[in-house]
Amino acid sequence: MTDRSATRRLGLSRAGAALARGWRVVSWYVKEVVGENDYEHYVTHLRRHHPDTQPMSRREFERAKLDRMDTDPQARCC
């Protein structure tokens, strides 16, 4: 009986890991589509390509992003 219960626990553990991995992938995809990760991408780019430049705060970045969207409505999907 212990072999069977150990196998069952292993199967549940693998299923749980697969479910968690799937959730992370879906979560990452949704964040990319809606632009939630834009600030992190901006900071990463700035540190990699312009290390002497001080990045904007998240609030400043979001404000600039909204201003760009208002001045160029063709860039939006809707």
PDB file of N, CA and C in Angstrom:
ATOM      1  N   MET A   1       0.807  -1.206   0.000  1.00  0.00           N
ATOM      2  CA  MET A   1       0.000   0.000   0.000  1.00  0.00           C
ATOM      3  C   MET A   1       0.848   1.266   0.000  1.00  0.00           C
ATOM      4  N   THR A   2       1.993   1.217   0.587  1.00  0.00           N
ATOM      5  CA  THR A   2       2.815   2.416   0.630  1.00  0.00           C
ATOM      6  C   THR A   2       3.316   2.797  -0.752  1.00  0.00           C
ATOM      7  N   ASP A   3       3.583   1.808  -1.613  1.00  0.00           N
ATOM      8  CA  ASP A   3       4.007   2.126  -2.982  1.00  0.00           C
ATOM      9  C   ASP A   3       2.917   2.876  -3.729  1.00  0.00           C
ATOM     10  N   ARG A   4       1.692   2.413  -3.542  1.00  0.00           N
ATOM     11  CA  ARG A   4       0.570   3.040  -4.243  1.00  0.00           C
ATOM     12  C   ARG A   4       0.334   4.471  -3.744  1.00  0.00           C
ATOM     13  N   SER A   5       0.374   4.686  -2.446  1.00  0.00           N
ATOM     14  CA  SER A   5       0.152   6.031  -1.911  1.00  0.00           C
ATOM     15  C   SER A   5       1.313   6.957  -2.274  1.00  0.00           C
ATOM     16  N   ALA A   6       2.522   6.430  -2.309  1.00  0.00           N
ATOM     17  CA  ALA A   6       3.673   7.243  -2.712  1.00  0.00           C
ATOM     18  C   ALA A   6       3.544   7.639  -4.182  1.00  0.00           C
ATOM     19  N   THR A   7       3.101   6.708  -5.010  1.00  0.00           N
ATOM     20  CA  THR A   7       2.898   6.996  -6.431  1.00  0.00           C
ATOM     21  C   THR A   7       1.806   8.039  -6.607  1.00  0.00           C
ATOM     22  N   ARG A   8       0.748   7.908  -5.828  1.00  0.00           N
ATOM     23  CA  ARG A   8      -0.352   8.864  -5.918  1.00  0.00           C
ATOM     24  C   ARG A   8       0.117  10.261  -5.517  1.00  0.00           C
ATOM     25  N   ARG A   9       0.893  10.338  -4.417  1.00  0.00           N
ATOM     26  CA  ARG A   9       1.410  11.633  -3.980  1.00  0.00           C
ATOM     27  C   ARG A   9       2.335  12.241  -5.032  1.00  0.00           C
ATOM     28  N   LEU A  10       3.160  11.395  -5.655  1.00  0.00           N
ATOM     29  CA  LEU A  10       4.055  11.878  -6.695  1.00  0.00           C
ATOM     30  C   LEU A  10       3.259  12.415  -7.884  1.00  0.00           C
ATOM     31  N   GLY A  11       2.197  11.710  -8.248  1.00  0.00           N
ATOM     32  CA  GLY A  11       1.344  12.162  -9.349  1.00  0.00           C
ATOM     33  C   GLY A  11       0.669  13.488  -9.022  1.00  0.00           C
ATOM     34  N   LEU A  12       0.167  13.620  -7.802  1.00  0.00           N
ATOM     35  CA  LEU A  12      -0.461  14.873  -7.386  1.00  0.00           C
ATOM     36  C   LEU A  12       0.552  16.001  -7.346  1.00  0.00           C
ATOM     37  N   SER A  13       1.755  15.698  -6.899  1.00  0.00           N
ATOM     38  CA  SER A  13       2.783  16.726  -6.834  1.00  0.00           C
ATOM     39  C   SER A  13       3.163  17.195  -8.244  1.00  0.00           C
ATOM     40  N   ARG A  14       3.267  16.264  -9.181  1.00  0.00           N
ATOM     41  CA  ARG A  14       3.561  16.639 -10.568  1.00  0.00           C
ATOM     42  C   ARG A  14       2.416  17.430 -11.181  1.00  0.00           C
ATOM     43  N   ALA A  15       1.192  17.023 -10.893  1.00  0.00           N
ATOM     44  CA  ALA A  15       0.030  17.751 -11.417  1.00  0.00           C
ATOM     45  C   ALA A  15      -0.005  19.166 -10.853  1.00  0.00           C
ATOM     46  N   GLY A  16       0.293  19.294  -9.572  1.00  0.00           N
ATOM     47  CA  GLY A  16       0.324  20.618  -8.951  1.00  0.00           C
ATOM     48  C   GLY A  16       1.412  21.495  -9.554  1.00  0.00           C
ATOM     49  N   ALA A  17       2.571  20.903  -9.812  1.00  0.00           N
ATOM     50  CA  ALA A  17       3.675  21.662 -10.414  1.00  0.00           C
ATOM     51  C   ALA A  17       3.304  22.098 -11.832  1.00  0.00           C
ATOM     52  N   ALA A  18       2.658  21.213 -12.585  1.00  0.00           N
ATOM     53  CA  ALA A  18       2.240  21.554 -13.949  1.00  0.00           C
ATOM     54  C   ALA A  18       1.184  22.654 -13.921  1.00  0.00           C
ATOM     55  N   LEU A  19       0.270  22.570 -12.974  1.00  0.00           N
ATOM     56  CA  LEU A  19      -0.759  23.599 -12.843  1.00  0.00           C
ATOM     57  C   LEU A  19      -0.137  24.948 -12.493  1.00  0.00           C
ATOM     58  N   ALA A  20       0.810  24.950 -11.575  1.00  0.00           N
ATOM     59  CA  ALA A  20       1.490  26.196 -11.180  1.00  0.00           C
ATOM     60  C   ALA A  20       2.264  26.772 -12.360  1.00  0.00           C
ATOM     61  N   ARG A  21       2.937  25.920 -13.120  1.00  0.00           N
ATOM     62  CA  ARG A  21       3.684  26.379 -14.287  1.00  0.00           C
ATOM     63  C   ARG A  21       2.736  26.987 -15.317  1.00  0.00           C
ATOM     64  N   GLY A  22       1.605  26.323 -15.545  1.00  0.00           N
ATOM     65  CA  GLY A  22       0.604  26.841 -16.475  1.00  0.00           C
ATOM     66  C   GLY A  22       0.073  28.194 -16.027  1.00  0.00           C
ATOM     67  N   TRP A  23      -0.171  28.329 -14.743  1.00  0.00           N
ATOM     68  CA  TRP A  23      -0.663  29.597 -14.210  1.00  0.00           C
ATOM     69  C   TRP A  23       0.359  30.709 -14.424  1.00  0.00           C
ATOM     70  N   ARG A  24       1.645  30.422 -14.193  1.00  0.00           N
ATOM     71  CA  ARG A  24       2.698  31.423 -14.395  1.00  0.00           C
ATOM     72  C   ARG A  24       2.762  31.864 -15.853  1.00  0.00           C
ATOM     73  N   VAL A  25       2.614  30.910 -16.778  1.00  0.00           N
ATOM     74  CA  VAL A  25       2.658  31.234 -18.204  1.00  0.00           C
ATOM     75  C   VAL A  25       1.476  32.119 -18.587  1.00  0.00           C
ATOM     76  N   VAL A  26       0.288  31.753 -18.146  1.00  0.00           N
ATOM     77  CA  VAL A  26      -0.907  32.547 -18.461  1.00  0.00           C
ATOM     78  C   VAL A  26      -0.794  33.931 -17.843  1.00  0.00           C
ATOM     79  N   SER A  27      -0.327  34.005 -16.615  1.00  0.00           N
ATOM     80  CA  SER A  27      -0.170  35.285 -15.929  1.00  0.00           C
ATOM     81  C   SER A  27       0.836  36.168 -16.671  1.00  0.00           C
ATOM     82  N   TRP A  28       1.980  35.601 -17.073  1.00  0.00           N
ATOM     83  CA  TRP A  28       2.979  36.349 -17.828  1.00  0.00           C
ATOM     84  C   TRP A  28       2.380  36.873 -19.132  1.00  0.00           C
ATOM     85  N   TYR A  29       1.655  36.031 -19.840  1.00  0.00           N
ATOM     86  CA  TYR A  29       1.073  36.415 -21.127  1.00  0.00           C
ATOM     87  C   TYR A  29       0.097  37.579 -20.971  1.00  0.00           C
ATOM     88  N   VAL A  30      -0.787  37.483 -19.999  1.00  0.00           N
ATOM     89  CA  VAL A  30      -1.777  38.544 -19.773  1.00  0.00           C
ATOM     90  C   VAL A  30      -1.074  39.855 -19.419  1.00  0.00           C
ATOM     91  N   LYS A  31      -0.064  39.802 -18.567  1.00  0.00           N
ATOM     92  CA  LYS A  31       0.670  41.021 -18.186  1.00  0.00           C
ATOM     93  C   LYS A  31       1.363  41.648 -19.389  1.00  0.00           C
ATOM     94  N   GLU A  32       1.893  40.821 -20.293  1.00  0.00           N
ATOM     95  CA  GLU A  32       2.536  41.344 -21.496  1.00  0.00           C
ATOM     96  C   GLU A  32       1.506  42.007 -22.415  1.00  0.00           C
ATOM     97  N   VAL A  33       0.355  41.375 -22.567  1.00  0.00           N
ATOM     98  CA  VAL A  33      -0.676  41.902 -23.474  1.00  0.00           C
ATOM     99  C   VAL A  33      -1.234  43.230 -22.980  1.00  0.00           C
ATOM    100  N   VAL A  34      -1.482  43.338 -21.687  1.00  0.00           N
ATOM    101  CA  VAL A  34      -2.088  44.564 -21.164  1.00  0.00           C
ATOM    102  C   VAL A  34      -1.052  45.639 -20.829  1.00  0.00           C
ATOM    103  N   GLY A  35       0.235  45.317 -20.929  1.00  0.00           N
ATOM    104  CA  GLY A  35       1.274  46.317 -20.728  1.00  0.00           C
ATOM    105  C   GLY A  35       1.712  46.508 -19.294  1.00  0.00           C
ATOM    106  N   GLU A  36       1.386  45.571 -18.432  1.00  0.00           N
ATOM    107  CA  GLU A  36       1.758  45.721 -17.024  1.00  0.00           C
ATOM    108  C   GLU A  36       3.276  45.611 -16.816  1.00  0.00           C
ATOM    109  N   ASN A  37       3.953  44.911 -17.706  1.00  0.00           N
ATOM    110  CA  ASN A  37       5.400  44.731 -17.581  1.00  0.00           C
ATOM    111  C   ASN A  37       6.204  45.797 -18.314  1.00  0.00           C
ATOM    112  N   ASP A  38       5.565  46.792 -18.892  1.00  0.00           N
ATOM    113  CA  ASP A  38       6.266  47.807 -19.680  1.00  0.00           C
ATOM    114  C   ASP A  38       7.324  48.548 -18.862  1.00  0.00           C
ATOM    115  N   TYR A  39       7.011  48.878 -17.636  1.00  0.00           N
ATOM    116  CA  TYR A  39       7.961  49.625 -16.815  1.00  0.00           C
ATOM    117  C   TYR A  39       9.211  48.781 -16.536  1.00  0.00           C
ATOM    118  N   GLU A  40       9.013  47.504 -16.216  1.00  0.00           N
ATOM    119  CA  GLU A  40      10.152  46.628 -15.958  1.00  0.00           C
ATOM    120  C   GLU A  40      11.026  46.506 -17.209  1.00  0.00           C
ATOM    121  N   HIS A  41      10.389  46.407 -18.380  1.00  0.00           N
ATOM    122  CA  HIS A  41      11.145  46.342 -19.635  1.00  0.00           C
ATOM    123  C   HIS A  41      11.921  47.649 -19.861  1.00  0.00           C
ATOM    124  N   TYR A  42      11.292  48.770 -19.554  1.00  0.00           N
ATOM    125  CA  TYR A  42      11.933  50.083 -19.712  1.00  0.00           C
ATOM    126  C   TYR A  42      13.176  50.189 -18.817  1.00  0.00           C
ATOM    127  N   VAL A  43      13.033  49.810 -17.554  1.00  0.00           N
ATOM    128  CA  VAL A  43      14.153  49.900 -16.617  1.00  0.00           C
ATOM    129  C   VAL A  43      15.273  48.949 -17.037  1.00  0.00           C
ATOM    130  N   THR A  44      14.924  47.743 -17.456  1.00  0.00           N
ATOM    131  CA  THR A  44      15.930  46.787 -17.914  1.00  0.00           C
ATOM    132  C   THR A  44      16.685  47.336 -19.120  1.00  0.00           C
ATOM    133  N   HIS A  45      15.964  47.901 -20.073  1.00  0.00           N
ATOM    134  CA  HIS A  45      16.596  48.483 -21.261  1.00  0.00           C
ATOM    135  C   HIS A  45      17.518  49.632 -20.874  1.00  0.00           C
ATOM    136  N   LEU A  46      17.029  50.499 -20.008  1.00  0.00           N
ATOM    137  CA  LEU A  46      17.820  51.661 -19.608  1.00  0.00           C
ATOM    138  C   LEU A  46      19.113  51.235 -18.911  1.00  0.00           C
ATOM    139  N   ARG A  47      19.019  50.264 -18.022  1.00  0.00           N
ATOM    140  CA  ARG A  47      20.217  49.805 -17.301  1.00  0.00           C
ATOM    141  C   ARG A  47      21.207  49.121 -18.230  1.00  0.00           C
ATOM    142  N   ARG A  48      20.682  48.412 -19.229  1.00  0.00           N
ATOM    143  CA  ARG A  48      21.557  47.686 -20.138  1.00  0.00           C
ATOM    144  C   ARG A  48      22.228  48.608 -21.163  1.00  0.00           C
ATOM    145  N   HIS A  49      21.456  49.535 -21.743  1.00  0.00           N
ATOM    146  CA  HIS A  49      21.958  50.336 -22.850  1.00  0.00           C
ATOM    147  C   HIS A  49      22.352  51.768 -22.464  1.00  0.00           C
ATOM    148  N   HIS A  50      21.839  52.266 -21.368  1.00  0.00           N
ATOM    149  CA  HIS A  50      22.126  53.634 -20.918  1.00  0.00           C
ATOM    150  C   HIS A  50      22.373  53.637 -19.413  1.00  0.00           C
ATOM    151  N   PRO A  51      23.447  52.990 -18.976  1.00  0.00           N
ATOM    152  CA  PRO A  51      23.654  52.810 -17.530  1.00  0.00           C
ATOM    153  C   PRO A  51      23.836  54.111 -16.744  1.00  0.00           C
ATOM    154  N   ASP A  52      24.211  55.208 -17.405  1.00  0.00           N
ATOM    155  CA  ASP A  52      24.407  56.465 -16.692  1.00  0.00           C
ATOM    156  C   ASP A  52      23.118  57.255 -16.511  1.00  0.00           C
ATOM    157  N   THR A  53      22.050  56.820 -17.170  1.00  0.00           N
ATOM    158  CA  THR A  53      20.783  57.551 -17.133  1.00  0.00           C
ATOM    159  C   THR A  53      19.939  57.082 -15.948  1.00  0.00           C
ATOM    160  N   GLN A  54      19.376  58.019 -15.242  1.00  0.00           N
ATOM    161  CA  GLN A  54      18.478  57.721 -14.120  1.00  0.00           C
ATOM    162  C   GLN A  54      17.093  57.424 -14.680  1.00  0.00           C
ATOM    163  N   PRO A  55      16.503  56.246 -14.388  1.00  0.00           N
ATOM    164  CA  PRO A  55      15.168  55.943 -14.914  1.00  0.00           C
ATOM    165  C   PRO A  55      14.090  56.809 -14.259  1.00  0.00           C
ATOM    166  N   MET A  56      13.024  57.032 -15.008  1.00  0.00           N
ATOM    167  CA  MET A  56      11.863  57.743 -14.464  1.00  0.00           C
ATOM    168  C   MET A  56      11.240  56.879 -13.368  1.00  0.00           C
ATOM    169  N   SER A  57      10.513  57.516 -12.486  1.00  0.00           N
ATOM    170  CA  SER A  57       9.761  56.734 -11.509  1.00  0.00           C
ATOM    171  C   SER A  57       8.620  56.030 -12.245  1.00  0.00           C
ATOM    172  N   ARG A  58       8.028  55.053 -11.623  1.00  0.00           N
ATOM    173  CA  ARG A  58       6.932  54.330 -12.268  1.00  0.00           C
ATOM    174  C   ARG A  58       5.785  55.285 -12.592  1.00  0.00           C
ATOM    175  N   ARG A  59       5.524  56.199 -11.673  1.00  0.00           N
ATOM    176  CA  ARG A  59       4.439  57.168 -11.882  1.00  0.00           C
ATOM    177  C   ARG A  59       4.730  58.057 -13.091  1.00  0.00           C
ATOM    178  N   GLU A  60       5.975  58.564 -13.191  1.00  0.00           N
ATOM    179  CA  GLU A  60       6.367  59.390 -14.338  1.00  0.00           C
ATOM    180  C   GLU A  60       6.276  58.594 -15.637  1.00  0.00           C
ATOM    181  N   PHE A  61       6.714  57.334 -15.581  1.00  0.00           N
ATOM    182  CA  PHE A  61       6.668  56.480 -16.765  1.00  0.00           C
ATOM    183  C   PHE A  61       5.232  56.281 -17.245  1.00  0.00           C
ATOM    184  N   GLU A  62       4.340  55.966 -16.320  1.00  0.00           N
ATOM    185  CA  GLU A  62       2.934  55.747 -16.688  1.00  0.00           C
ATOM    186  C   GLU A  62       2.311  57.033 -17.241  1.00  0.00           C
ATOM    187  N   ARG A  63       2.651  58.180 -16.656  1.00  0.00           N
ATOM    188  CA  ARG A  63       2.142  59.461 -17.152  1.00  0.00           C
ATOM    189  C   ARG A  63       2.633  59.722 -18.576  1.00  0.00           C
ATOM    190  N   ALA A  64       3.924  59.494 -18.823  1.00  0.00           N
ATOM    191  CA  ALA A  64       4.490  59.690 -20.160  1.00  0.00           C
ATOM    192  C   ALA A  64       3.857  58.721 -21.159  1.00  0.00           C
ATOM    193  N   LYS A  65       3.606  57.516 -20.718  1.00  0.00           N
ATOM    194  CA  LYS A  65       2.971  56.511 -21.587  1.00  0.00           C
ATOM    195  C   LYS A  65       1.558  56.957 -21.981  1.00  0.00           C
ATOM    196  N   LEU A  66       0.804  57.447 -21.014  1.00  0.00           N
ATOM    197  CA  LEU A  66      -0.552  57.937 -21.310  1.00  0.00           C
ATOM    198  C   LEU A  66      -0.510  59.162 -22.212  1.00  0.00           C
ATOM    199  N   ASP A  67       0.451  60.050 -21.980  1.00  0.00           N
ATOM    200  CA  ASP A  67       0.596  61.230 -22.843  1.00  0.00           C
ATOM    201  C   ASP A  67       0.903  60.827 -24.282  1.00  0.00           C
ATOM    202  N   ARG A  68       1.802  59.840 -24.453  1.00  0.00           N
ATOM    203  CA  ARG A  68       2.108  59.352 -25.802  1.00  0.00           C
ATOM    204  C   ARG A  68       0.872  58.763 -26.467  1.00  0.00           C
ATOM    205  N   MET A  69       0.078  58.034 -25.709  1.00  0.00           N
ATOM    206  CA  MET A  69      -1.134  57.427 -26.257  1.00  0.00           C
ATOM    207  C   MET A  69      -2.136  58.502 -26.666  1.00  0.00           C
ATOM    208  N   ASP A  70      -2.194  59.601 -25.914  1.00  0.00           N
ATOM    209  CA  ASP A  70      -3.130  60.682 -26.254  1.00  0.00           C
ATOM    210  C   ASP A  70      -2.674  61.454 -27.494  1.00  0.00           C
ATOM    211  N   THR A  71      -1.364  61.646 -27.634  1.00  0.00           N
ATOM    212  CA  THR A  71      -0.874  62.419 -28.771  1.00  0.00           C
ATOM    213  C   THR A  71      -0.832  61.594 -30.060  1.00  0.00           C
ATOM    214  N   ASP A  72      -0.778  60.271 -29.947  1.00  0.00           N
ATOM    215  CA  ASP A  72      -0.726  59.410 -31.130  1.00  0.00           C
ATOM    216  C   ASP A  72      -1.786  58.315 -31.012  1.00  0.00           C
ATOM    217  N   PRO A  73      -3.070  58.674 -31.285  1.00  0.00           N
ATOM    218  CA  PRO A  73      -4.138  57.687 -31.104  1.00  0.00           C
ATOM    219  C   PRO A  73      -4.045  56.498 -32.055  1.00  0.00           C
ATOM    220  N   GLN A  74      -3.288  56.612 -33.140  1.00  0.00           N
ATOM    221  CA  GLN A  74      -3.138  55.497 -34.077  1.00  0.00           C
ATOM    222  C   GLN A  74      -2.318  54.354 -33.465  1.00  0.00           C
ATOM    223  N   ALA A  75      -1.546  54.653 -32.441  1.00  0.00           N
ATOM    224  CA  ALA A  75      -0.718  53.633 -31.803  1.00  0.00           C
ATOM    225  C   ALA A  75      -1.541  52.695 -30.933  1.00  0.00           C
ATOM    226  N   ARG A  76      -2.741  53.090 -30.597  1.00  0.00           N
ATOM    227  CA  ARG A  76      -3.588  52.245 -29.751  1.00  0.00           C
ATOM    228  C   ARG A  76      -4.350  51.219 -30.570  1.00  0.00           C
ATOM    229  N   CYS A  77      -4.778  50.180 -29.931  1.00  0.00           N
ATOM    230  CA  CYS A  77      -5.550  49.160 -30.633  1.00  0.00           C
ATOM    231  C   CYS A  77      -7.033  49.540 -30.709  1.00  0.00           C
ATOM    232  N   CYS A  78      -7.497  50.367 -29.781  1.00  0.00           N
ATOM    233  CA  CYS A  78      -8.938  50.669 -29.718  1.00  0.00           C
ATOM    234  C   CYS A  78      -9.211  52.157 -29.879  1.00  0.00           C
TER     235      CYS A  78
END
